[in-house]
Each structure stands twice: as C-alpha cells, then as structure tokens.
Amino acid sequence: MKAMKASSRARRALAAAALAGSASVVPAAHGQGMRDPVADLILKADARARDDGLCATITDWPSGTGESYVDFLRNAAIGYAKVNRFRNDAQCQFDRVTDVYNGPTGKCVRYIWWACASGGTCARGEDTECLQADGSWQRQAK
C-alpha cells in the first residue's frame, strides 16, 4: 500500500512539475477539496482506466482546434503543456512537451499525451511533429 501511495504522489508531483514548467495556461482545480483534473486524467490514462465521467466534469478546458494545435507546436519548449476538450466534448486531453529539436526541415516537437473518452477508456501515448519546408506540420512515423 505504501508503494501505491508513493507512486500516486510521484505522479501528482510529475503533473504539478509539468504545470509549473508550462508556458501555456492550464486551468487548476477550483476551490479547496476539489481534485486536480490534470492529475486525475494522468492517473486514469496511465492505468488505462475507464473515463467514468471525468471528461464530462471538465467544463472549463478550451475546445481544441487545428489552429490551437499549430500554436502549441510553434510555441513549444520542453515542459510546455496544454489542455483541451475535443469539439464533440466527449474527449479531454493533456499534452506535455518532452523534447524540441531541429529536424531536416525545421523544428520538431515530441510530446506525451494523456486522453480520456467519455463512456470509454483513457490512454497515454507519445507523438512527434516536425515542421516541413512548406510550413505545415507532419506527424512522424514511430
């Protein structure tokens, strides 16, 4: 049990550190006694647990758009983070940049994402996007 509590504390500390180092605005829990939705999302995604209404309770996260995603990539630095809901409001996601480097045609951004889908399960993954010569961003094959 102590190991589980330590692991939980470590994950919450990781989430707090990600938020502290973030250059973007990530909403905090409102009021005392309320849980941190980012920490809850990370815990559920790492455990591949069911959403169990988590995304439905997060109403103050912005809707993700193609434009906001490109802004995230353009402004990315290690530790930079963002939250968003998807347009259908049935999914919520937290992304944190883990690496920024120069690729063959420009900036590349590697980030970890944690996401849940209402009525479904949560997951964690990693993606890398690189700026192309034409100014577009392209996800890199794993």
C-alpha atoms as a PDB file:
ATOM      1  CA  MET A   1       0.000   0.000   0.000  1.00  0.00           C
ATOM      2  CA  LYS A   2       2.861   2.408   0.794  1.00  0.00           C
ATOM      3  CA  ALA A   3       4.321   1.806  -2.668  1.00  0.00           C
ATOM      4  CA  MET A   4       0.948   2.615  -4.249  1.00  0.00           C
ATOM      5  CA  LYS A   5       0.661   5.848  -2.239  1.00  0.00           C
ATOM      6  CA  ALA A   6       4.229   6.806  -3.141  1.00  0.00           C
ATOM      7  CA  SER A   7       3.527   6.092  -6.809  1.00  0.00           C
ATOM      8  CA  SER A   8       0.375   8.205  -6.663  1.00  0.00           C
ATOM      9  CA  ARG A   9       2.287  11.047  -5.005  1.00  0.00           C
ATOM     10  CA  ALA A  10       5.019  10.760  -7.630  1.00  0.00           C
ATOM     11  CA  ARG A  11       2.508  11.005 -10.474  1.00  0.00           C
ATOM     12  CA  ARG A  12       0.836  14.016  -8.888  1.00  0.00           C
ATOM     13  CA  ALA A  13       4.248  15.614  -8.374  1.00  0.00           C
ATOM     14  CA  LEU A  14       5.040  14.934 -12.042  1.00  0.00           C
ATOM     15  CA  ALA A  15       1.793  16.585 -13.089  1.00  0.00           C
ATOM     16  CA  ALA A  16       2.468  19.557 -10.804  1.00  0.00           C
ATOM     17  CA  ALA A  17       6.001  19.893 -12.174  1.00  0.00           C
ATOM     18  CA  ALA A  18       4.684  19.772 -15.722  1.00  0.00           C
ATOM     19  CA  LEU A  19       2.225  22.523 -14.928  1.00  0.00           C
ATOM     20  CA  ALA A  20       4.799  24.635 -13.100  1.00  0.00           C
ATOM     21  CA  GLY A  21       7.152  24.481 -16.070  1.00  0.00           C
ATOM     22  CA  SER A  22       4.402  25.106 -18.544  1.00  0.00           C
ATOM     23  CA  ALA A  23       4.390  28.234 -20.653  1.00  0.00           C
ATOM     24  CA  SER A  24       0.744  27.761 -21.538  1.00  0.00           C
ATOM     25  CA  VAL A  25      -2.327  28.263 -19.412  1.00  0.00           C
ATOM     26  CA  VAL A  26      -3.555  25.080 -17.793  1.00  0.00           C
ATOM     27  CA  PRO A  27      -6.639  25.533 -15.591  1.00  0.00           C
ATOM     28  CA  ALA A  28      -6.206  24.496 -11.965  1.00  0.00           C
ATOM     29  CA  ALA A  29      -8.745  22.812  -9.717  1.00  0.00           C
ATOM     30  CA  HIS A  30     -11.336  25.254  -8.426  1.00  0.00           C
ATOM     31  CA  GLY A  31     -11.784  25.611  -4.691  1.00  0.00           C
ATOM     32  CA  GLN A  32     -10.366  23.629  -1.839  1.00  0.00           C
ATOM     33  CA  GLY A  33     -11.106  19.945  -1.678  1.00  0.00           C
ATOM     34  CA  MET A  34     -11.608  19.646  -5.444  1.00  0.00           C
ATOM     35  CA  ARG A  35      -9.374  17.261  -7.306  1.00  0.00           C
ATOM     36  CA  ASP A  36      -6.964  18.374  -9.997  1.00  0.00           C
ATOM     37  CA  PRO A  37      -8.427  17.251 -13.353  1.00  0.00           C
ATOM     38  CA  VAL A  38      -4.974  17.059 -14.996  1.00  0.00           C
ATOM     39  CA  ALA A  39      -3.684  14.750 -12.253  1.00  0.00           C
ATOM     40  CA  ASP A  40      -6.866  12.651 -12.466  1.00  0.00           C
ATOM     41  CA  LEU A  41      -6.520  12.407 -16.244  1.00  0.00           C
ATOM     42  CA  ILE A  42      -2.877  11.315 -15.969  1.00  0.00           C
ATOM     43  CA  LEU A  43      -3.702   8.683 -13.349  1.00  0.00           C
ATOM     44  CA  LYS A  44      -6.599   7.256 -15.367  1.00  0.00           C
ATOM     45  CA  ALA A  45      -4.640   7.264 -18.636  1.00  0.00           C
ATOM     46  CA  ASP A  46      -1.553   5.633 -17.126  1.00  0.00           C
ATOM     47  CA  ALA A  47      -3.794   2.930 -15.656  1.00  0.00           C
ATOM     48  CA  ARG A  48      -5.809   2.601 -18.900  1.00  0.00           C
ATOM     49  CA  ALA A  49      -8.870   3.026 -16.696  1.00  0.00           C
ATOM     50  CA  ARG A  50     -12.384   3.947 -17.790  1.00  0.00           C
ATOM     51  CA  ASP A  51     -13.256   7.635 -18.056  1.00  0.00           C
ATOM     52  CA  ASP A  52     -16.135   7.213 -15.550  1.00  0.00           C
ATOM     53  CA  GLY A  53     -17.383  10.743 -16.242  1.00  0.00           C
ATOM     54  CA  LEU A  54     -14.070  12.581 -15.869  1.00  0.00           C
ATOM     55  CA  CYS A  55     -14.271  14.454 -19.197  1.00  0.00           C
ATOM     56  CA  ALA A  56     -17.893  15.408 -18.503  1.00  0.00           C
ATOM     57  CA  THR A  57     -16.834  17.173 -15.289  1.00  0.00           C
ATOM     58  CA  ILE A  58     -14.166  19.275 -17.030  1.00  0.00           C
ATOM     59  CA  THR A  59     -16.095  22.182 -18.486  1.00  0.00           C
ATOM     60  CA  ASP A  60     -13.507  24.985 -18.411  1.00  0.00           C
ATOM     61  CA  TRP A  61     -10.937  23.496 -20.803  1.00  0.00           C
ATOM     62  CA  PRO A  62     -10.882  25.046 -24.280  1.00  0.00           C
ATOM     63  CA  SER A  63     -12.012  23.207 -27.382  1.00  0.00           C
ATOM     64  CA  GLY A  64      -9.047  22.011 -29.378  1.00  0.00           C
ATOM     65  CA  THR A  65      -8.771  23.349 -32.912  1.00  0.00           C
ATOM     66  CA  GLY A  66      -6.269  22.882 -35.691  1.00  0.00           C
ATOM     67  CA  GLU A  67      -5.126  26.465 -35.112  1.00  0.00           C
ATOM     68  CA  SER A  68      -4.592  25.984 -31.355  1.00  0.00           C
ATOM     69  CA  TYR A  69      -2.666  22.761 -32.038  1.00  0.00           C
ATOM     70  CA  VAL A  70      -0.329  24.509 -34.523  1.00  0.00           C
ATOM     71  CA  ASP A  71       0.154  27.347 -31.985  1.00  0.00           C
ATOM     72  CA  PHE A  72       1.068  24.713 -29.381  1.00  0.00           C
ATOM     73  CA  LEU A  73       3.702  23.271 -31.744  1.00  0.00           C
ATOM     74  CA  ARG A  74       5.094  26.664 -32.806  1.00  0.00           C
ATOM     75  CA  ASN A  75       5.497  27.843 -29.199  1.00  0.00           C
ATOM     76  CA  ALA A  76       6.628  24.502 -27.780  1.00  0.00           C
ATOM     77  CA  ALA A  77       9.551  24.268 -25.387  1.00  0.00           C
ATOM     78  CA  ILE A  78      10.414  21.417 -23.035  1.00  0.00           C
ATOM     79  CA  GLY A  79       7.823  21.404 -20.241  1.00  0.00           C
ATOM     80  CA  TYR A  80       5.277  23.412 -22.261  1.00  0.00           C
ATOM     81  CA  ALA A  81       1.798  21.980 -21.777  1.00  0.00           C
ATOM     82  CA  LYS A  82      -1.795  22.391 -22.874  1.00  0.00           C
ATOM     83  CA  VAL A  83      -5.206  21.005 -22.097  1.00  0.00           C
ATOM     84  CA  ASN A  84      -8.192  20.751 -24.392  1.00  0.00           C
ATOM     85  CA  ARG A  85     -11.520  19.140 -24.996  1.00  0.00           C
ATOM     86  CA  PHE A  86     -12.359  17.879 -28.444  1.00  0.00           C
ATOM     87  CA  ARG A  87     -15.108  19.570 -30.457  1.00  0.00           C
ATOM     88  CA  ASN A  88     -17.596  16.854 -29.586  1.00  0.00           C
ATOM     89  CA  ASP A  89     -16.866  17.479 -25.852  1.00  0.00           C
ATOM     90  CA  ALA A  90     -16.680  13.708 -25.395  1.00  0.00           C
ATOM     91  CA  GLN A  91     -12.899  13.614 -25.023  1.00  0.00           C
ATOM     92  CA  CYS A  92     -10.378  15.520 -22.948  1.00  0.00           C
ATOM     93  CA  GLN A  93      -6.599  15.624 -23.313  1.00  0.00           C
ATOM     94  CA  PHE A  94      -3.431  16.929 -21.641  1.00  0.00           C
ATOM     95  CA  ASP A  95      -0.207  17.255 -23.660  1.00  0.00           C
ATOM     96  CA  ARG A  96       3.296  17.949 -22.296  1.00  0.00           C
ATOM     97  CA  VAL A  97       6.377  18.626 -24.452  1.00  0.00           C
ATOM     98  CA  THR A  98       9.315  16.350 -23.657  1.00  0.00           C
ATOM     99  CA  ASP A  99      11.752  17.315 -26.418  1.00  0.00           C
ATOM    100  CA  VAL A 100      12.282  20.013 -29.040  1.00  0.00           C
ATOM    101  CA  TYR A 101      14.996  19.589 -31.672  1.00  0.00           C
ATOM    102  CA  ASN A 102      15.936  20.600 -35.211  1.00  0.00           C
ATOM    103  CA  GLY A 103      14.799  18.133 -37.835  1.00  0.00           C
ATOM    104  CA  PRO A 104      15.797  18.072 -41.512  1.00  0.00           C
ATOM    105  CA  THR A 105      13.413  20.928 -42.437  1.00  0.00           C
ATOM    106  CA  GLY A 106      12.781  22.700 -39.139  1.00  0.00           C
ATOM    107  CA  LYS A 107      11.591  22.399 -35.572  1.00  0.00           C
ATOM    108  CA  CYS A 108      10.444  19.020 -34.247  1.00  0.00           C
ATOM    109  CA  VAL A 109       8.302  18.648 -31.122  1.00  0.00           C
ATOM    110  CA  ARG A 110       7.980  15.420 -29.144  1.00  0.00           C
ATOM    111  CA  TYR A 111       5.204  15.301 -26.561  1.00  0.00           C
ATOM    112  CA  ILE A 112       3.366  12.894 -24.307  1.00  0.00           C
ATOM    113  CA  TRP A 113      -0.409  12.979 -24.345  1.00  0.00           C
ATOM    114  CA  TRP A 114      -2.933  11.667 -21.862  1.00  0.00           C
ATOM    115  CA  ALA A 115      -6.549  11.408 -23.038  1.00  0.00           C
ATOM    116  CA  CYS A 116      -9.913  10.064 -21.969  1.00  0.00           C
ATOM    117  CA  ALA A 117     -13.093   9.476 -23.943  1.00  0.00           C
ATOM    118  CA  SER A 118     -16.485   9.813 -22.241  1.00  0.00           C
ATOM    119  CA  GLY A 119     -18.005   6.375 -21.844  1.00  0.00           C
ATOM    120  CA  GLY A 120     -14.717   4.786 -22.899  1.00  0.00           C
ATOM    121  CA  THR A 121     -11.215   4.256 -21.653  1.00  0.00           C
ATOM    122  CA  CYS A 122      -8.241   6.516 -21.128  1.00  0.00           C
ATOM    123  CA  ALA A 123      -4.818   6.142 -22.716  1.00  0.00           C
ATOM    124  CA  ARG A 124      -1.340   7.628 -22.843  1.00  0.00           C
ATOM    125  CA  GLY A 125       0.828   7.994 -25.913  1.00  0.00           C
ATOM    126  CA  GLU A 126       3.685   9.906 -27.458  1.00  0.00           C
ATOM    127  CA  ASP A 127       3.819  11.786 -30.754  1.00  0.00           C
ATOM    128  CA  THR A 128       6.401  13.791 -32.660  1.00  0.00           C
ATOM    129  CA  GLU A 129       5.509  16.517 -35.165  1.00  0.00           C
ATOM    130  CA  CYS A 130       8.071  18.215 -37.416  1.00  0.00           C
ATOM    131  CA  LEU A 131       7.806  21.462 -39.328  1.00  0.00           C
ATOM    132  CA  GLN A 132       8.027  20.869 -43.062  1.00  0.00           C
ATOM    133  CA  ALA A 133       9.672  23.076 -45.706  1.00  0.00           C
ATOM    134  CA  ASP A 134       6.210  24.236 -46.856  1.00  0.00           C
ATOM    135  CA  GLY A 135       5.321  25.443 -43.317  1.00  0.00           C
ATOM    136  CA  SER A 136       2.994  22.564 -42.478  1.00  0.00           C
ATOM    137  CA  TRP A 137       3.494  20.156 -39.581  1.00  0.00           C
ATOM    138  CA  GLN A 138       3.751  16.414 -40.135  1.00  0.00           C
ATOM    139  CA  ARG A 139       3.450  13.627 -37.565  1.00  0.00           C
ATOM    140  CA  GLN A 140       6.484  11.381 -37.665  1.00  0.00           C
ATOM    141  CA  ALA A 141       6.203   7.621 -38.033  1.00  0.00           C
ATOM    142  CA  LYS A 142       7.185   5.693 -34.949  1.00  0.00           C
END
